[in-house]
């Protein structure tokens, strides 16, 4: 992964942030789960990874048609980001490829009705309920309904939750397989825990490569030096935020990364939007959204800053042929080029437009869309967010206002 800062500038690191980076470095050396930042150790903590591998091994040899992940927010967005990038974006046009992950991530009667119709008589189904608290209303509702309506799928079931809640104790009493989430590991930082590793592995995604990428990013992004990419990216974002740019757009030039963008939105919004602070994170998809929002970005209010995300290599590129075109004045320019080349030319056109219109942006180039690149990118972004929390003087690990709606919901259900 390559981070390209505008003009190649390196920002001076404030003393407060420098001290925090050194603290993160020490947390990584400790390799435990004793602090809020200790999610950075998920890819390196051998005892915990052994627990996850043992759970995966119990189900790995079975052939599933569907893996149903029941979770919401941090319990599913990271998993979905990786699955969709590797497989899910193509599920509709690859009808014979199995297993497929189905994400049950909201309460919607029509959706659940159709899901029940699909699963009711299918025995090749694995179910994974994911809820750190053990009491997430939407997830518990969906889980109970599915278990009641589809009794044939109860044999292949794992509940992923923390050990200090009633759900864990209840599952133990019912001999339901359990996988723990470290108590200090917040949901939006949990994709490299059993939350993501179990369902992704069963879907045929290499979690070894995923964790390898995370470790690469960790090594670079806890380095207490001026070249630390996560620190420099956080300083770029903070500089634009303090200059009044309160909308931060990630422009992904690979449509299969759309769910990665939605994970990114939660990571930034839930971590930094508190105490009257924060910017609004948005995503755009290239090249599709060049024809829907580019006019606004260029000609509208100058309250936005951007990160352009693309890939260096494409696994299945196609050379363009134009045998049926009458007007060769335009298509002649395309003949012999590849689709990837055209996409990169369009991206270059976007960058030149941004420069001319004085729109602030930086650029991230992934080597390819692969487990390793995704692991590296996501770990980098999680550390970047922690550093932003330090710069903005907010706790990047709590979500008090989300807890408020959950509490009100429970009161209403009780009433």
Protein backbone atom coordinates (compact mmCIF):
# COMPACT_ATOMS: atom_id res chain seq x y z
CA UNK A 1 0.00 0.00 0.00
CA UNK A 2 1.31 3.42 -0.92
CA UNK A 3 0.15 6.69 0.68
CA UNK A 4 0.75 9.72 -1.55
CA UNK A 5 0.55 13.01 0.34
CA UNK A 6 -0.06 16.16 -1.67
CA UNK A 7 3.28 17.68 -2.71
CA UNK A 8 4.99 14.90 -0.76
CA UNK A 9 4.99 17.07 2.37
CA UNK A 10 5.74 15.56 5.77
CA UNK A 11 3.95 17.32 8.60
CA UNK A 12 5.63 18.09 11.92
CA UNK A 13 4.26 15.81 14.64
CA UNK A 14 2.90 17.62 17.74
CA UNK A 15 4.47 16.51 21.03
CA UNK A 16 1.14 15.18 22.36
CA UNK A 17 0.66 12.93 19.35
CA UNK A 18 4.30 11.86 19.40
CA UNK A 19 3.86 10.69 22.99
CA UNK A 20 0.71 8.80 22.01
CA UNK A 21 2.52 7.02 19.16
CA UNK A 22 5.19 5.94 21.62
CA UNK A 23 2.44 4.67 23.92
CA UNK A 24 0.91 2.66 21.04
CA UNK A 25 4.36 1.22 20.35
CA UNK A 26 4.59 0.04 23.97
CA UNK A 27 1.08 -1.47 23.81
CA UNK A 28 2.14 -3.47 20.75
CA UNK A 29 5.25 -4.69 22.58
CA UNK A 30 3.08 -5.84 25.48
CA UNK A 31 0.93 -7.86 23.05
CA UNK A 32 -2.02 -8.14 25.43
CA UNK A 33 -5.63 -6.92 25.60
CA UNK A 34 -5.44 -4.62 28.61
CA UNK A 35 -6.06 -1.22 26.99
CA UNK A 36 -8.59 0.29 24.60
CA UNK A 37 -5.95 0.42 21.87
CA UNK A 38 -5.08 -3.26 22.24
CA UNK A 39 -7.09 -4.28 19.18
CA UNK A 40 -3.76 -3.64 17.42
CA UNK A 41 -2.59 -6.93 18.97
CA UNK A 42 -5.31 -9.10 17.47
CA UNK A 43 -3.11 -10.10 14.53
CA UNK A 44 -0.16 -11.05 16.75
CA UNK A 45 -1.52 -12.48 20.01
CA UNK A 46 -0.85 -16.22 19.72
CA UNK A 47 -3.07 -17.53 22.57
CA UNK A 48 -6.11 -15.70 21.25
CA UNK A 49 -5.42 -16.69 17.63
CA UNK A 50 -5.09 -20.31 18.79
CA UNK A 51 -8.62 -20.12 20.25
CA UNK A 52 -9.97 -18.77 16.95
CA UNK A 53 -8.13 -21.39 14.87
CA UNK A 54 -9.48 -24.20 17.06
CA UNK A 55 -13.03 -22.93 16.58
CA UNK A 56 -12.54 -22.63 12.81
CA UNK A 57 -11.08 -26.16 12.70
CA UNK A 58 -14.25 -27.66 14.19
CA UNK A 59 -16.30 -26.50 11.17
CA UNK A 60 -13.72 -26.04 8.40
CA UNK A 61 -14.09 -29.51 6.89
CA UNK A 62 -17.82 -29.14 6.24
CA UNK A 63 -19.25 -27.86 2.98
CA UNK A 64 -21.71 -25.04 3.46
CA UNK A 65 -23.98 -23.39 0.94
CA UNK A 66 -24.64 -20.38 3.13
CA UNK A 67 -22.97 -18.72 6.09
CA UNK A 68 -25.39 -16.44 7.92
CA UNK A 69 -23.73 -13.70 9.97
CA UNK A 70 -26.21 -12.14 12.39
CA UNK A 71 -24.76 -8.86 13.63
CA UNK A 72 -24.94 -5.12 13.20
CA UNK A 73 -22.43 -2.28 13.11
CA UNK A 74 -18.97 -3.36 14.20
CA UNK A 75 -20.19 -6.95 14.44
CA UNK A 76 -20.55 -7.26 10.69
CA UNK A 77 -19.31 -4.23 8.71
CA UNK A 78 -15.64 -5.23 8.73
CA UNK A 79 -16.44 -8.81 7.78
CA UNK A 80 -18.73 -7.64 4.98
CA UNK A 81 -16.09 -5.20 3.74
CA UNK A 82 -13.61 -8.03 3.20
CA UNK A 83 -16.12 -10.57 1.88
CA UNK A 84 -17.61 -8.14 -0.64
CA UNK A 85 -14.18 -7.04 -1.84
CA UNK A 86 -13.09 -10.63 -2.49
CA UNK A 87 -16.38 -12.38 -3.39
CA UNK A 88 -19.62 -10.65 -2.45
CA UNK A 89 -19.71 -7.92 -5.09
CA UNK A 90 -19.91 -10.71 -7.66
CA UNK A 91 -22.40 -13.01 -5.87
CA UNK A 92 -25.24 -12.26 -8.29
CA UNK A 93 -23.18 -13.03 -11.40
CA UNK A 94 -21.49 -16.09 -9.89
CA UNK A 95 -24.58 -18.15 -8.97
CA UNK A 96 -22.68 -21.45 -8.80
CA UNK A 97 -20.01 -20.28 -6.36
CA UNK A 98 -20.52 -21.39 -2.77
CA UNK A 99 -20.46 -20.83 0.12
CA UNK A 100 -22.00 -17.38 0.14
CA UNK A 101 -22.17 -15.18 3.22
CA UNK A 102 -25.56 -13.65 4.00
CA UNK A 103 -25.45 -10.71 6.40
CA UNK A 104 -28.54 -10.35 8.57
CA UNK A 105 -27.82 -6.86 9.84
CA UNK A 106 -31.15 -5.12 10.43
CA UNK A 107 -34.69 -5.87 11.54
CA UNK A 108 -36.81 -6.11 8.40
CA UNK A 109 -39.72 -8.52 8.18
CA UNK A 110 -39.71 -8.87 4.40
CA UNK A 111 -36.00 -9.68 4.30
CA UNK A 112 -36.19 -12.22 7.12
CA UNK A 113 -39.26 -13.85 5.54
CA UNK A 114 -37.37 -14.40 2.27
CA UNK A 115 -34.29 -15.62 4.14
CA UNK A 116 -36.36 -18.16 6.05
CA UNK A 117 -37.81 -19.41 2.75
CA UNK A 118 -34.28 -19.92 1.46
CA UNK A 119 -32.87 -21.65 4.55
CA UNK A 120 -35.82 -23.60 5.90
CA UNK A 121 -35.04 -26.84 4.10
CA UNK A 122 -31.31 -26.31 3.58
CA UNK A 123 -29.12 -28.26 5.98
CA UNK A 124 -25.83 -26.89 4.65
CA UNK A 125 -25.99 -23.66 6.63
CA UNK A 126 -23.62 -22.21 9.20
CA UNK A 127 -24.95 -19.53 11.57
CA UNK A 128 -22.78 -17.05 13.43
CA UNK A 129 -24.43 -14.70 15.93
CA UNK A 130 -22.06 -11.81 16.67
CA UNK A 131 -22.79 -9.39 19.51
CA UNK A 132 -20.12 -8.21 21.91
CA UNK A 133 -22.58 -7.05 24.55
CA UNK A 134 -24.79 -10.09 24.13
CA UNK A 135 -27.87 -7.87 24.19
CA UNK A 136 -27.98 -6.03 20.86
CA UNK A 137 -31.71 -5.79 20.17
CA UNK A 138 -31.64 -6.19 16.38
CA UNK A 139 -29.26 -9.15 16.47
CA UNK A 140 -31.09 -11.02 19.24
CA UNK A 141 -34.44 -10.53 17.48
CA UNK A 142 -33.08 -11.88 14.18
CA UNK A 143 -31.34 -14.79 15.89
CA UNK A 144 -34.40 -15.90 17.86
CA UNK A 145 -36.68 -15.68 14.81
CA UNK A 146 -34.26 -17.64 12.62
CA UNK A 147 -33.74 -20.35 15.24
CA UNK A 148 -37.49 -20.72 15.75
CA UNK A 149 -38.39 -20.87 12.06
CA UNK A 150 -35.41 -22.90 10.79
CA UNK A 151 -34.72 -25.68 13.33
CA UNK A 152 -32.66 -27.60 10.76
CA UNK A 153 -29.80 -25.09 10.99
CA UNK A 154 -29.17 -25.30 14.74
CA UNK A 155 -26.36 -27.86 14.56
CA UNK A 156 -23.78 -25.58 12.92
CA UNK A 157 -23.90 -22.55 15.15
CA UNK A 158 -21.31 -20.37 16.88
CA UNK A 159 -22.05 -17.38 19.09
CA UNK A 160 -19.27 -14.78 19.10
CA UNK A 161 -19.49 -12.54 22.15
CA UNK A 162 -17.56 -11.39 25.23
CA UNK A 163 -17.18 -13.68 28.23
CA UNK A 164 -18.65 -11.30 30.79
CA UNK A 165 -22.30 -11.27 29.75
CA UNK A 166 -25.49 -13.30 30.19
CA UNK A 167 -25.47 -14.58 26.61
CA UNK A 168 -22.14 -16.34 27.16
CA UNK A 169 -23.47 -18.08 30.27
CA UNK A 170 -26.72 -19.02 28.53
CA UNK A 171 -24.89 -20.55 25.56
CA UNK A 172 -22.60 -22.50 27.88
CA UNK A 173 -25.65 -24.01 29.61
CA UNK A 174 -27.06 -25.04 26.22
CA UNK A 175 -23.73 -26.44 24.93
CA UNK A 176 -23.64 -23.92 22.08
CA UNK A 177 -20.19 -23.31 20.61
CA UNK A 178 -18.72 -20.00 21.71
CA UNK A 179 -15.95 -17.74 20.46
CA UNK A 180 -14.77 -14.87 22.63
CA UNK A 181 -14.21 -11.21 21.80
CA UNK A 182 -11.55 -9.59 24.04
CA UNK A 183 -13.37 -7.30 26.46
CA UNK A 184 -11.33 -4.21 25.54
CA UNK A 185 -11.81 -4.75 21.80
CA UNK A 186 -14.41 -2.29 20.47
CA UNK A 187 -16.69 -3.54 17.68
CA UNK A 188 -15.45 -1.23 14.94
CA UNK A 189 -11.87 -2.34 15.68
CA UNK A 190 -12.71 -6.05 15.88
CA UNK A 191 -12.46 -7.41 12.34
CA UNK A 192 -9.17 -9.24 13.07
CA UNK A 193 -10.77 -11.04 16.00
CA UNK A 194 -13.07 -14.04 15.78
CA UNK A 195 -15.75 -11.57 14.66
CA UNK A 196 -14.25 -11.53 11.18
CA UNK A 197 -11.85 -14.47 11.10
CA UNK A 198 -14.41 -17.25 11.68
CA UNK A 199 -16.97 -16.49 8.94
CA UNK A 200 -14.34 -15.29 6.46
CA UNK A 201 -12.29 -18.45 6.85
CA UNK A 202 -15.33 -20.67 6.36
CA UNK A 203 -16.13 -18.70 3.20
CA UNK A 204 -12.74 -19.61 1.74
CA UNK A 205 -10.93 -16.33 2.42
CA UNK A 206 -7.32 -16.58 3.60
CA UNK A 207 -7.23 -15.17 7.12
CA UNK A 208 -3.50 -15.96 7.22
CA UNK A 209 -2.94 -13.43 4.42
CA UNK A 210 -5.38 -10.99 6.00
CA UNK A 211 -3.49 -11.03 9.29
CA UNK A 212 -0.18 -10.86 7.46
CA UNK A 213 -1.27 -7.59 5.86
CA UNK A 214 -2.41 -6.26 9.22
CA UNK A 215 0.98 -7.02 10.72
CA UNK A 216 2.73 -5.19 7.87
CA UNK A 217 0.65 -2.07 8.51
CA UNK A 218 1.14 -2.37 12.26
CA UNK A 219 4.91 -2.37 11.92
CA UNK A 220 4.89 0.79 9.79
CA UNK A 221 2.11 2.63 11.61
CA UNK A 222 3.38 2.39 15.19
CA UNK A 223 6.85 3.60 14.23
CA UNK A 224 7.62 6.77 16.26
CA UNK A 225 9.14 8.58 13.28
CA UNK A 226 8.12 11.31 10.87
CA UNK A 227 7.60 8.78 8.06
CA UNK A 228 4.87 6.88 9.91
CA UNK A 229 2.11 6.75 7.22
CA UNK A 230 -0.84 6.56 9.65
CA UNK A 231 0.47 9.56 11.58
CA UNK A 232 1.04 11.60 8.42
CA UNK A 233 -2.39 10.73 7.06
CA UNK A 234 -4.02 11.66 10.39
CA UNK A 235 -2.20 15.01 10.36
CA UNK A 236 -3.38 15.67 6.78
CA UNK A 237 -6.99 14.94 7.77
CA UNK A 238 -6.75 17.02 10.93
CA UNK A 239 -5.24 19.95 9.04
CA UNK A 240 -8.19 19.98 6.63
CA UNK A 241 -10.70 19.54 9.46
CA UNK A 242 -9.32 22.56 11.34
CA UNK A 243 -9.39 24.55 8.09
CA UNK A 244 -13.18 24.14 7.97
CA UNK A 245 -13.40 21.15 5.63
CA UNK A 246 -16.05 19.23 7.54
CA UNK A 247 -16.94 16.59 4.94
CA UNK A 248 -14.39 13.83 4.31
CA UNK A 249 -14.97 11.70 1.21
CA UNK A 250 -13.22 8.44 0.37
CA UNK A 251 -13.42 7.94 -3.39
CA UNK A 252 -12.93 4.22 -4.15
CA UNK A 253 -12.08 3.48 -7.77
CA UNK A 254 -13.03 -0.19 -7.45
CA UNK A 255 -16.77 -0.84 -6.98
CA UNK A 256 -16.11 -4.02 -4.98
CA UNK A 257 -14.73 -1.78 -2.21
CA UNK A 258 -18.07 -0.08 -1.51
CA UNK A 259 -18.63 -2.08 1.68
CA UNK A 260 -15.10 -1.20 2.76
CA UNK A 261 -16.23 2.41 2.50
CA UNK A 262 -19.23 1.73 4.73
CA UNK A 263 -16.92 0.19 7.33
CA UNK A 264 -14.77 3.32 7.00
CA UNK A 265 -17.79 5.54 7.63
CA UNK A 266 -18.59 3.77 10.90
CA UNK A 267 -14.96 3.80 12.02
CA UNK A 268 -14.65 7.57 11.58
CA UNK A 269 -18.16 8.63 12.58
CA UNK A 270 -18.49 6.52 15.73
CA UNK A 271 -14.92 7.15 16.86
CA UNK A 272 -14.69 10.90 16.32
CA UNK A 273 -18.22 12.35 16.24
CA UNK A 274 -18.67 13.42 19.85
CA UNK A 275 -18.43 16.39 22.20
CA UNK A 276 -19.61 18.67 19.37
CA UNK A 277 -16.64 17.63 17.24
CA UNK A 278 -16.16 15.54 14.14
CA UNK A 279 -16.52 15.67 10.39
CA UNK A 280 -19.00 13.84 8.18
CA UNK A 281 -17.44 10.84 6.41
CA UNK A 282 -18.87 9.91 3.00
CA UNK A 283 -17.92 7.52 0.20
CA UNK A 284 -18.06 7.65 -3.57
CA UNK A 285 -17.46 4.88 -6.08
CA UNK A 286 -15.42 5.42 -9.22
CA UNK A 287 -16.15 5.69 -11.93
CA UNK A 288 -19.91 5.47 -11.29
CA UNK A 289 -20.23 8.47 -9.01
CA UNK A 290 -18.30 10.76 -11.31
CA UNK A 291 -21.66 10.95 -13.08
CA UNK A 292 -23.68 11.74 -9.95
CA UNK A 293 -21.70 13.81 -7.44
CA UNK A 294 -18.62 15.12 -9.27
CA UNK A 295 -20.45 18.32 -10.24
CA UNK A 296 -21.13 19.02 -6.57
CA UNK A 297 -17.58 18.20 -5.52
CA UNK A 298 -16.02 20.53 -8.07
CA UNK A 299 -18.64 23.25 -8.38
CA UNK A 300 -20.30 23.20 -4.97
CA UNK A 301 -19.32 24.42 -1.52
CA UNK A 302 -15.62 24.07 -0.73
CA UNK A 303 -16.24 22.17 2.52
CA UNK A 304 -14.82 18.79 1.46
CA UNK A 305 -11.53 16.96 1.36
CA UNK A 306 -10.78 13.62 -0.27
CA UNK A 307 -8.81 10.41 -0.22
CA UNK A 308 -8.65 8.68 -3.60
CA UNK A 309 -8.28 4.90 -3.27
CA UNK A 310 -7.29 2.70 -6.21
CA UNK A 311 -5.29 -0.44 -6.98
CA UNK A 312 -1.98 -0.87 -8.76
CA UNK A 313 -2.70 -4.31 -10.21
CA UNK A 314 -5.86 -5.93 -11.57
CA UNK A 315 -6.15 -9.72 -11.63
CA UNK A 316 -8.44 -10.02 -14.67
CA UNK A 317 -7.90 -7.14 -17.06
CA UNK A 318 -9.48 -7.12 -20.53
CA UNK A 319 -8.21 -5.58 -23.75
CA UNK A 320 -10.76 -3.37 -25.50
CA UNK A 321 -11.88 -4.28 -29.03
CA UNK A 322 -14.38 -2.20 -31.02
CA UNK A 323 -15.62 -4.32 -33.96
CA UNK A 324 -19.19 -2.96 -34.01
CA UNK A 325 -18.57 0.77 -33.71
CA UNK A 326 -19.33 2.91 -36.77
CA UNK A 327 -17.75 6.12 -35.47
CA UNK A 328 -14.05 5.41 -34.99
CA UNK A 329 -13.17 9.04 -34.22
CA UNK A 330 -13.61 8.27 -30.51
CA UNK A 331 -13.40 4.50 -30.17
CA UNK A 332 -10.16 4.46 -32.12
CA UNK A 333 -8.57 5.99 -29.04
CA UNK A 334 -9.74 3.01 -27.00
CA UNK A 335 -8.67 0.22 -29.36
CA UNK A 336 -5.93 -1.90 -27.82
CA UNK A 337 -6.08 -0.33 -24.37
CA UNK A 338 -7.22 -2.34 -21.38
CA UNK A 339 -10.16 -1.52 -19.12
CA UNK A 340 -7.72 -0.98 -16.25
CA UNK A 341 -5.72 1.50 -18.33
CA UNK A 342 -8.85 3.50 -19.11
CA UNK A 343 -9.85 3.55 -15.42
CA UNK A 344 -6.42 4.86 -14.46
CA UNK A 345 -6.63 7.56 -17.15
CA UNK A 346 -10.01 8.63 -15.77
CA UNK A 347 -8.55 8.70 -12.24
CA UNK A 348 -5.69 10.87 -13.47
CA UNK A 349 -8.26 13.21 -14.99
CA UNK A 350 -9.96 13.47 -11.59
CA UNK A 351 -6.66 14.27 -9.86
CA UNK A 352 -5.78 16.96 -12.38
CA UNK A 353 -9.23 18.50 -11.99
CA UNK A 354 -8.86 18.52 -8.20
CA UNK A 355 -5.47 20.22 -8.48
CA UNK A 356 -6.80 22.90 -10.84
CA UNK A 357 -9.84 23.55 -8.63
CA UNK A 358 -7.72 23.60 -5.44
CA UNK A 359 -9.61 20.68 -3.90
CA UNK A 360 -7.50 19.03 -1.13
CA UNK A 361 -6.83 15.32 -1.54
CA UNK A 362 -4.36 12.57 -0.87
CA UNK A 363 -4.11 9.17 -2.49
CA UNK A 364 -3.85 5.56 -1.34
CA UNK A 365 -2.84 2.89 -3.86
CA UNK A 366 -3.39 -0.74 -2.89
CA UNK A 367 -1.17 -3.32 -4.56
CA UNK A 368 -4.28 -5.29 -5.50
CA UNK A 369 -7.61 -6.33 -4.07
CA UNK A 370 -6.48 -9.26 -1.94
CA UNK A 371 -6.66 -10.41 1.64
CA UNK A 372 -3.16 -9.07 2.36
CA UNK A 373 -3.87 -5.62 0.91
CA UNK A 374 -7.20 -5.37 2.72
CA UNK A 375 -5.61 -6.38 6.02
CA UNK A 376 -2.92 -3.76 5.57
CA UNK A 377 -5.40 -1.03 4.61
CA UNK A 378 -7.83 -1.71 7.46
CA UNK A 379 -5.16 -1.86 10.16
CA UNK A 380 -3.66 1.38 8.79
CA UNK A 381 -7.06 3.09 8.94
CA UNK A 382 -7.76 1.92 12.49
CA UNK A 383 -4.45 3.38 13.70
CA UNK A 384 -5.05 6.56 11.71
CA UNK A 385 -8.38 6.93 13.54
CA UNK A 386 -6.76 6.43 16.95
CA UNK A 387 -4.26 9.17 16.11
CA UNK A 388 -7.07 11.46 14.98
CA UNK A 389 -8.81 10.92 18.32
CA UNK A 390 -5.65 12.10 20.04
CA UNK A 391 -5.39 15.19 17.82
CA UNK A 392 -9.06 16.06 18.35
CA UNK A 393 -9.01 15.36 22.09
CA UNK A 394 -11.83 12.82 21.96
CA UNK A 395 -12.08 9.22 23.12
CA UNK A 396 -11.90 7.21 19.90
CA UNK A 397 -13.20 4.04 21.58
CA UNK A 398 -16.57 4.83 23.17
CA UNK A 399 -19.97 5.61 21.62
CA UNK A 400 -22.10 7.13 24.40
CA UNK A 401 -24.85 8.44 22.15
CA UNK A 402 -25.32 5.07 20.46
CA UNK A 403 -25.72 3.54 23.90
CA UNK A 404 -28.43 6.14 24.54
CA UNK A 405 -30.70 4.88 21.76
CA UNK A 406 -30.13 1.30 22.88
CA UNK A 407 -31.20 2.16 26.43
CA UNK A 408 -34.34 3.96 25.24
CA UNK A 409 -35.22 0.99 23.03
CA UNK A 410 -35.01 -1.38 25.98
CA UNK A 411 -37.21 0.89 28.11
CA UNK A 412 -39.84 0.99 25.34
CA UNK A 413 -39.76 -2.78 24.91
CA UNK A 414 -40.22 -3.25 28.66
CA UNK A 415 -43.12 -0.78 28.74
